[in-house]
Amino acid sequence: MNIKVLGTGCKKCDQVYDLVLEILQEETLTIQVDKVEDLKSIVAYGVMSTPTLVINGEILFKGKVPSKKKLKETIIARV
């Protein structure tokens, strides 16, 4: 499993990244998490709004910070 947080370093992007790490730690999951800040790499996913959460190549949230509960449910459902 691979999780990517796409964003140019804005506050909301950092929030999503931190939430993902927090959830993984709470659930004792060892999953690779990448923070993608390069604009060309972000555009390659076909998204224009950030933050965007990508799990195993699937775009799941874009342009918003999901609640911790929703984010946790989404990650756990894909483990």
PDB file of N, CA and C in Angstrom:
ATOM      1  N   MET A   1       0.847  -1.176   0.000  1.00  0.00           N
ATOM      2  CA  MET A   1       0.000   0.000   0.000  1.00  0.00           C
ATOM      3  C   MET A   1       0.892   1.237   0.000  1.00  0.00           C
ATOM      4  N   ASN A   2       0.466   2.244  -0.742  1.00  0.00           N
ATOM      5  CA  ASN A   2       1.212   3.491  -0.822  1.00  0.00           C
ATOM      6  C   ASN A   2       0.223   4.646  -0.712  1.00  0.00           C
ATOM      7  N   ILE A   3       0.550   5.588   0.144  1.00  0.00           N
ATOM      8  CA  ILE A   3      -0.284   6.777   0.322  1.00  0.00           C
ATOM      9  C   ILE A   3       0.535   7.986  -0.108  1.00  0.00           C
ATOM     10  N   LYS A   4      -0.106   8.853  -0.893  1.00  0.00           N
ATOM     11  CA  LYS A   4       0.543  10.098  -1.306  1.00  0.00           C
ATOM     12  C   LYS A   4      -0.370  11.260  -0.931  1.00  0.00           C
ATOM     13  N   VAL A   5       0.237  12.287  -0.389  1.00  0.00           N
ATOM     14  CA  VAL A   5      -0.471  13.531  -0.123  1.00  0.00           C
ATOM     15  C   VAL A   5       0.099  14.552  -1.096  1.00  0.00           C
ATOM     16  N   LEU A   6      -0.744  15.010  -2.009  1.00  0.00           N
ATOM     17  CA  LEU A   6      -0.324  15.977  -3.015  1.00  0.00           C
ATOM     18  C   LEU A   6      -0.642  17.378  -2.525  1.00  0.00           C
ATOM     19  N   GLY A   7       0.335  18.244  -2.566  1.00  0.00           N
ATOM     20  CA  GLY A   7       0.116  19.618  -2.151  1.00  0.00           C
ATOM     21  C   GLY A   7       1.409  20.401  -2.187  1.00  0.00           C
ATOM     22  N   THR A   8       1.276  21.693  -2.363  1.00  0.00           N
ATOM     23  CA  THR A   8       2.445  22.541  -2.544  1.00  0.00           C
ATOM     24  C   THR A   8       3.031  23.059  -1.242  1.00  0.00           C
ATOM     25  N   GLY A   9       2.654  22.463  -0.134  1.00  0.00           N
ATOM     26  CA  GLY A   9       3.202  22.885   1.156  1.00  0.00           C
ATOM     27  C   GLY A   9       2.300  23.827   1.922  1.00  0.00           C
ATOM     28  N   CYS A  10       1.052  23.923   1.524  1.00  0.00           N
ATOM     29  CA  CYS A  10       0.117  24.803   2.230  1.00  0.00           C
ATOM     30  C   CYS A  10      -0.272  24.185   3.584  1.00  0.00           C
ATOM     31  N   LYS A  11      -0.903  24.981   4.403  1.00  0.00           N
ATOM     32  CA  LYS A  11      -1.300  24.544   5.744  1.00  0.00           C
ATOM     33  C   LYS A  11      -2.229  23.325   5.685  1.00  0.00           C
ATOM     34  N   LYS A  12      -3.200  23.347   4.788  1.00  0.00           N
ATOM     35  CA  LYS A  12      -4.144  22.233   4.672  1.00  0.00           C
ATOM     36  C   LYS A  12      -3.446  20.952   4.203  1.00  0.00           C
ATOM     37  N   CYS A  13      -2.489  21.097   3.318  1.00  0.00           N
ATOM     38  CA  CYS A  13      -1.732  19.937   2.833  1.00  0.00           C
ATOM     39  C   CYS A  13      -0.940  19.308   3.978  1.00  0.00           C
ATOM     40  N   ASP A  14      -0.324  20.153   4.778  1.00  0.00           N
ATOM     41  CA  ASP A  14       0.418  19.664   5.937  1.00  0.00           C
ATOM     42  C   ASP A  14      -0.516  18.989   6.931  1.00  0.00           C
ATOM     43  N   GLN A  15      -1.727  19.527   7.084  1.00  0.00           N
ATOM     44  CA  GLN A  15      -2.718  18.943   7.989  1.00  0.00           C
ATOM     45  C   GLN A  15      -3.064  17.516   7.571  1.00  0.00           C
ATOM     46  N   VAL A  16      -3.327  17.316   6.291  1.00  0.00           N
ATOM     47  CA  VAL A  16      -3.684  15.982   5.792  1.00  0.00           C
ATOM     48  C   VAL A  16      -2.516  15.024   6.002  1.00  0.00           C
ATOM     49  N   TYR A  17      -1.325  15.459   5.676  1.00  0.00           N
ATOM     50  CA  TYR A  17      -0.134  14.624   5.848  1.00  0.00           C
ATOM     51  C   TYR A  17       0.029  14.219   7.315  1.00  0.00           C
ATOM     52  N   ASP A  18      -0.091  15.188   8.209  1.00  0.00           N
ATOM     53  CA  ASP A  18       0.043  14.910   9.639  1.00  0.00           C
ATOM     54  C   ASP A  18      -1.051  13.973  10.142  1.00  0.00           C
ATOM     55  N   LEU A  19      -2.277  14.157   9.659  1.00  0.00           N
ATOM     56  CA  LEU A  19      -3.375  13.271  10.049  1.00  0.00           C
ATOM     57  C   LEU A  19      -3.120  11.831   9.611  1.00  0.00           C
ATOM     58  N   VAL A  20      -2.632  11.678   8.396  1.00  0.00           N
ATOM     59  CA  VAL A  20      -2.324  10.341   7.888  1.00  0.00           C
ATOM     60  C   VAL A  20      -1.277   9.671   8.775  1.00  0.00           C
ATOM     61  N   LEU A  21      -0.210  10.391   9.087  1.00  0.00           N
ATOM     62  CA  LEU A  21       0.840   9.827   9.938  1.00  0.00           C
ATOM     63  C   LEU A  21       0.306   9.477  11.325  1.00  0.00           C
ATOM     64  N   GLU A  22      -0.542  10.334  11.862  1.00  0.00           N
ATOM     65  CA  GLU A  22      -1.136  10.102  13.176  1.00  0.00           C
ATOM     66  C   GLU A  22      -1.989   8.837  13.176  1.00  0.00           C
ATOM     67  N   ILE A  23      -2.798   8.670  12.161  1.00  0.00           N
ATOM     68  CA  ILE A  23      -3.663   7.488  12.043  1.00  0.00           C
ATOM     69  C   ILE A  23      -2.822   6.222  11.914  1.00  0.00           C
ATOM     70  N   LEU A  24      -1.803   6.271  11.079  1.00  0.00           N
ATOM     71  CA  LEU A  24      -0.950   5.095  10.895  1.00  0.00           C
ATOM     72  C   LEU A  24      -0.267   4.705  12.200  1.00  0.00           C
ATOM     73  N   GLN A  25       0.157   5.692  12.959  1.00  0.00           N
ATOM     74  CA  GLN A  25       0.796   5.412  14.239  1.00  0.00           C
ATOM     75  C   GLN A  25      -0.208   4.815  15.230  1.00  0.00           C
ATOM     76  N   GLU A  26      -1.392   5.386  15.308  1.00  0.00           N
ATOM     77  CA  GLU A  26      -2.431   4.893  16.209  1.00  0.00           C
ATOM     78  C   GLU A  26      -2.811   3.452  15.892  1.00  0.00           C
ATOM     79  N   GLU A  27      -2.860   3.133  14.616  1.00  0.00           N
ATOM     80  CA  GLU A  27      -3.279   1.798  14.173  1.00  0.00           C
ATOM     81  C   GLU A  27      -2.087   0.851  14.009  1.00  0.00           C
ATOM     82  N   THR A  28      -0.911   1.310  14.352  1.00  0.00           N
ATOM     83  CA  THR A  28       0.340   0.559  14.197  1.00  0.00           C
ATOM     84  C   THR A  28       0.467  -0.073  12.807  1.00  0.00           C
ATOM     85  N   LEU A  29       0.256   0.762  11.807  1.00  0.00           N
ATOM     86  CA  LEU A  29       0.380   0.334  10.415  1.00  0.00           C
ATOM     87  C   LEU A  29       1.675   0.876   9.837  1.00  0.00           C
ATOM     88  N   THR A  30       2.396   0.023   9.137  1.00  0.00           N
ATOM     89  CA  THR A  30       3.616   0.443   8.470  1.00  0.00           C
ATOM     90  C   THR A  30       3.305   0.574   6.984  1.00  0.00           C
ATOM     91  N   ILE A  31       3.048   1.798   6.585  1.00  0.00           N
ATOM     92  CA  ILE A  31       2.675   2.081   5.200  1.00  0.00           C
ATOM     93  C   ILE A  31       3.496   3.269   4.732  1.00  0.00           C
ATOM     94  N   GLN A  32       3.985   3.176   3.513  1.00  0.00           N
ATOM     95  CA  GLN A  32       4.773   4.274   2.951  1.00  0.00           C
ATOM     96  C   GLN A  32       3.870   5.469   2.668  1.00  0.00           C
ATOM     97  N   VAL A  33       4.289   6.628   3.151  1.00  0.00           N
ATOM     98  CA  VAL A  33       3.553   7.869   2.912  1.00  0.00           C
ATOM     99  C   VAL A  33       4.504   8.857   2.256  1.00  0.00           C
ATOM    100  N   ASP A  34       4.100   9.351   1.103  1.00  0.00           N
ATOM    101  CA  ASP A  34       4.913  10.314   0.374  1.00  0.00           C
ATOM    102  C   ASP A  34       4.188  11.659   0.335  1.00  0.00           C
ATOM    103  N   LYS A  35       4.945  12.703   0.533  1.00  0.00           N
ATOM    104  CA  LYS A  35       4.417  14.058   0.411  1.00  0.00           C
ATOM    105  C   LYS A  35       4.921  14.597  -0.920  1.00  0.00           C
ATOM    106  N   VAL A  36       4.024  14.805  -1.852  1.00  0.00           N
ATOM    107  CA  VAL A  36       4.384  15.245  -3.192  1.00  0.00           C
ATOM    108  C   VAL A  36       4.111  16.741  -3.302  1.00  0.00           C
ATOM    109  N   GLU A  37       5.185  17.529  -3.408  1.00  0.00           N
ATOM    110  CA  GLU A  37       5.042  18.982  -3.461  1.00  0.00           C
ATOM    111  C   GLU A  37       5.424  19.575  -4.815  1.00  0.00           C
ATOM    112  N   ASP A  38       5.986  18.767  -5.680  1.00  0.00           N
ATOM    113  CA  ASP A  38       6.394  19.226  -7.003  1.00  0.00           C
ATOM    114  C   ASP A  38       5.157  19.439  -7.879  1.00  0.00           C
ATOM    115  N   LEU A  39       4.980  20.651  -8.382  1.00  0.00           N
ATOM    116  CA  LEU A  39       3.793  21.009  -9.151  1.00  0.00           C
ATOM    117  C   LEU A  39       3.597  20.126 -10.384  1.00  0.00           C
ATOM    118  N   LYS A  40       4.666  19.808 -11.089  1.00  0.00           N
ATOM    119  CA  LYS A  40       4.549  18.950 -12.279  1.00  0.00           C
ATOM    120  C   LYS A  40       4.032  17.560 -11.901  1.00  0.00           C
ATOM    121  N   SER A  41       4.513  17.030 -10.789  1.00  0.00           N
ATOM    122  CA  SER A  41       4.062  15.716 -10.327  1.00  0.00           C
ATOM    123  C   SER A  41       2.596  15.750  -9.915  1.00  0.00           C
ATOM    124  N   ILE A  42       2.184  16.847  -9.288  1.00  0.00           N
ATOM    125  CA  ILE A  42       0.780  16.984  -8.875  1.00  0.00           C
ATOM    126  C   ILE A  42      -0.122  17.052 -10.095  1.00  0.00           C
ATOM    127  N   VAL A  43       0.251  17.879 -11.065  1.00  0.00           N
ATOM    128  CA  VAL A  43      -0.543  18.032 -12.290  1.00  0.00           C
ATOM    129  C   VAL A  43      -0.619  16.713 -13.058  1.00  0.00           C
ATOM    130  N   ALA A  44       0.413  15.892 -12.961  1.00  0.00           N
ATOM    131  CA  ALA A  44       0.423  14.594 -13.650  1.00  0.00           C
ATOM    132  C   ALA A  44      -0.712  13.689 -13.155  1.00  0.00           C
ATOM    133  N   TYR A  45      -1.192  13.927 -11.957  1.00  0.00           N
ATOM    134  CA  TYR A  45      -2.331  13.171 -11.438  1.00  0.00           C
ATOM    135  C   TYR A  45      -3.656  13.715 -11.972  1.00  0.00           C
ATOM    136  N   GLY A  46      -3.612  14.824 -12.673  1.00  0.00           N
ATOM    137  CA  GLY A  46      -4.821  15.399 -13.256  1.00  0.00           C
ATOM    138  C   GLY A  46      -5.649  16.188 -12.256  1.00  0.00           C
ATOM    139  N   VAL A  47      -5.034  16.620 -11.173  1.00  0.00           N
ATOM    140  CA  VAL A  47      -5.756  17.410 -10.177  1.00  0.00           C
ATOM    141  C   VAL A  47      -5.259  18.847 -10.198  1.00  0.00           C
ATOM    142  N   MET A  48      -6.169  19.745  -9.908  1.00  0.00           N
ATOM    143  CA  MET A  48      -5.813  21.153  -9.887  1.00  0.00           C
ATOM    144  C   MET A  48      -6.026  21.773  -8.512  1.00  0.00           C
ATOM    145  N   SER A  49      -6.601  20.997  -7.587  1.00  0.00           N
ATOM    146  CA  SER A  49      -6.818  21.524  -6.247  1.00  0.00           C
ATOM    147  C   SER A  49      -6.149  20.611  -5.227  1.00  0.00           C
ATOM    148  N   THR A  50      -5.599  21.235  -4.206  1.00  0.00           N
ATOM    149  CA  THR A  50      -4.919  20.492  -3.168  1.00  0.00           C
ATOM    150  C   THR A  50      -5.480  20.925  -1.824  1.00  0.00           C
ATOM    151  N   PRO A  51      -5.327  20.132  -0.813  1.00  0.00           N
ATOM    152  CA  PRO A  51      -4.615  18.864  -0.768  1.00  0.00           C
ATOM    153  C   PRO A  51      -5.398  17.760  -1.471  1.00  0.00           C
ATOM    154  N   THR A  52      -4.655  16.785  -1.970  1.00  0.00           N
ATOM    155  CA  THR A  52      -5.245  15.614  -2.595  1.00  0.00           C
ATOM    156  C   THR A  52      -4.620  14.386  -1.960  1.00  0.00           C
ATOM    157  N   LEU A  53      -5.470  13.427  -1.613  1.00  0.00           N
ATOM    158  CA  LEU A  53      -4.996  12.176  -1.032  1.00  0.00           C
ATOM    159  C   LEU A  53      -5.131  11.079  -2.075  1.00  0.00           C
ATOM    160  N   VAL A  54      -4.031  10.367  -2.292  1.00  0.00           N
ATOM    161  CA  VAL A  54      -3.997   9.279  -3.265  1.00  0.00           C
ATOM    162  C   VAL A  54      -3.553   8.012  -2.538  1.00  0.00           C
ATOM    163  N   ILE A  55      -4.358   6.963  -2.642  1.00  0.00           N
ATOM    164  CA  ILE A  55      -3.988   5.675  -2.057  1.00  0.00           C
ATOM    165  C   ILE A  55      -3.950   4.648  -3.178  1.00  0.00           C
ATOM    166  N   ASN A  56      -2.794   4.021  -3.336  1.00  0.00           N
ATOM    167  CA  ASN A  56      -2.585   3.025  -4.388  1.00  0.00           C
ATOM    168  C   ASN A  56      -3.011   3.545  -5.759  1.00  0.00           C
ATOM    169  N   GLY A  57      -2.689   4.800  -6.033  1.00  0.00           N
ATOM    170  CA  GLY A  57      -2.981   5.388  -7.340  1.00  0.00           C
ATOM    171  C   GLY A  57      -4.387   5.922  -7.499  1.00  0.00           C
ATOM    172  N   GLU A  58      -5.263   5.714  -6.508  1.00  0.00           N
ATOM    173  CA  GLU A  58      -6.650   6.162  -6.579  1.00  0.00           C
ATOM    174  C   GLU A  58      -6.803   7.494  -5.837  1.00  0.00           C
ATOM    175  N   ILE A  59      -7.332   8.492  -6.518  1.00  0.00           N
ATOM    176  CA  ILE A  59      -7.577   9.796  -5.908  1.00  0.00           C
ATOM    177  C   ILE A  59      -8.831   9.688  -5.059  1.00  0.00           C
ATOM    178  N   LEU A  60      -8.687   9.989  -3.768  1.00  0.00           N
ATOM    179  CA  LEU A  60      -9.804   9.809  -2.847  1.00  0.00           C
ATOM    180  C   LEU A  60     -10.368  11.107  -2.292  1.00  0.00           C
ATOM    181  N   PHE A  61      -9.538  12.049  -1.961  1.00  0.00           N
ATOM    182  CA  PHE A  61      -9.993  13.350  -1.474  1.00  0.00           C
ATOM    183  C   PHE A  61      -9.194  14.409  -2.207  1.00  0.00           C
ATOM    184  N   LYS A  62      -9.877  15.456  -2.638  1.00  0.00           N
ATOM    185  CA  LYS A  62      -9.118  16.551  -3.244  1.00  0.00           C
ATOM    186  C   LYS A  62      -9.766  17.882  -2.902  1.00  0.00           C
ATOM    187  N   GLY A  63      -8.897  18.837  -2.608  1.00  0.00           N
ATOM    188  CA  GLY A  63      -9.350  20.183  -2.325  1.00  0.00           C
ATOM    189  C   GLY A  63      -9.914  20.405  -0.934  1.00  0.00           C
ATOM    190  N   LYS A  64      -9.758  19.415  -0.036  1.00  0.00           N
ATOM    191  CA  LYS A  64     -10.286  19.602   1.308  1.00  0.00           C
ATOM    192  C   LYS A  64      -9.514  18.741   2.304  1.00  0.00           C
ATOM    193  N   VAL A  65      -9.702  19.069   3.565  1.00  0.00           N
ATOM    194  CA  VAL A  65      -9.125  18.270   4.643  1.00  0.00           C
ATOM    195  C   VAL A  65     -10.261  17.407   5.185  1.00  0.00           C
ATOM    196  N   PRO A  66     -10.183  16.087   4.958  1.00  0.00           N
ATOM    197  CA  PRO A  66     -11.250  15.222   5.484  1.00  0.00           C
ATOM    198  C   PRO A  66     -11.156  15.136   7.006  1.00  0.00           C
ATOM    199  N   SER A  67     -12.258  14.777   7.630  1.00  0.00           N
ATOM    200  CA  SER A  67     -12.223  14.585   9.076  1.00  0.00           C
ATOM    201  C   SER A  67     -11.305  13.402   9.388  1.00  0.00           C
ATOM    202  N   LYS A  68     -10.780  13.391  10.579  1.00  0.00           N
ATOM    203  CA  LYS A  68      -9.902  12.293  10.974  1.00  0.00           C
ATOM    204  C   LYS A  68     -10.655  10.963  10.893  1.00  0.00           C
ATOM    205  N   LYS A  69     -11.911  10.971  11.314  1.00  0.00           N
ATOM    206  CA  LYS A  69     -12.727   9.754  11.288  1.00  0.00           C
ATOM    207  C   LYS A  69     -12.877   9.228   9.858  1.00  0.00           C
ATOM    208  N   LYS A  70     -13.221  10.108   8.931  1.00  0.00           N
ATOM    209  CA  LYS A  70     -13.411   9.709   7.531  1.00  0.00           C
ATOM    210  C   LYS A  70     -12.096   9.234   6.919  1.00  0.00           C
ATOM    211  N   LEU A  71     -11.024   9.921   7.225  1.00  0.00           N
ATOM    212  CA  LEU A  71      -9.712   9.547   6.715  1.00  0.00           C
ATOM    213  C   LEU A  71      -9.303   8.173   7.243  1.00  0.00           C
ATOM    214  N   LYS A  72      -9.534   7.952   8.523  1.00  0.00           N
ATOM    215  CA  LYS A  72      -9.203   6.672   9.140  1.00  0.00           C
ATOM    216  C   LYS A  72     -10.007   5.542   8.500  1.00  0.00           C
ATOM    217  N   GLU A  73     -11.295   5.748   8.317  1.00  0.00           N
ATOM    218  CA  GLU A  73     -12.159   4.751   7.679  1.00  0.00           C
ATOM    219  C   GLU A  73     -11.663   4.418   6.269  1.00  0.00           C
ATOM    220  N   THR A  74     -11.269   5.445   5.544  1.00  0.00           N
ATOM    221  CA  THR A  74     -10.800   5.277   4.169  1.00  0.00           C
ATOM    222  C   THR A  74      -9.501   4.453   4.131  1.00  0.00           C
ATOM    223  N   ILE A  75      -8.587   4.763   5.015  1.00  0.00           N
ATOM    224  CA  ILE A  75      -7.309   4.031   5.053  1.00  0.00           C
ATOM    225  C   ILE A  75      -7.532   2.598   5.478  1.00  0.00           C
ATOM    226  N   ILE A  76      -8.274   2.377   6.548  1.00  0.00           N
ATOM    227  CA  ILE A  76      -8.518   1.031   7.084  1.00  0.00           C
ATOM    228  C   ILE A  76      -9.231   0.161   6.053  1.00  0.00           C
ATOM    229  N   ALA A  77     -10.142   0.731   5.288  1.00  0.00           N
ATOM    230  CA  ALA A  77     -10.881  -0.029   4.275  1.00  0.00           C
ATOM    231  C   ALA A  77      -9.983  -0.526   3.161  1.00  0.00           C
ATOM    232  N   ARG A  78      -8.814   0.083   3.009  1.00  0.00           N
ATOM    233  CA  ARG A  78      -7.915  -0.287   1.911  1.00  0.00           C
ATOM    234  C   ARG A  78      -6.691  -1.077   2.355  1.00  0.00           C
ATOM    235  N   VAL A  79      -6.608  -1.376   3.651  1.00  0.00           N
ATOM    236  CA  VAL A  79      -5.461  -2.145   4.160  1.00  0.00           C
ATOM    237  C   VAL A  79      -5.653  -3.606   3.817  1.00  0.00           C
TER     238      VAL A  79
END
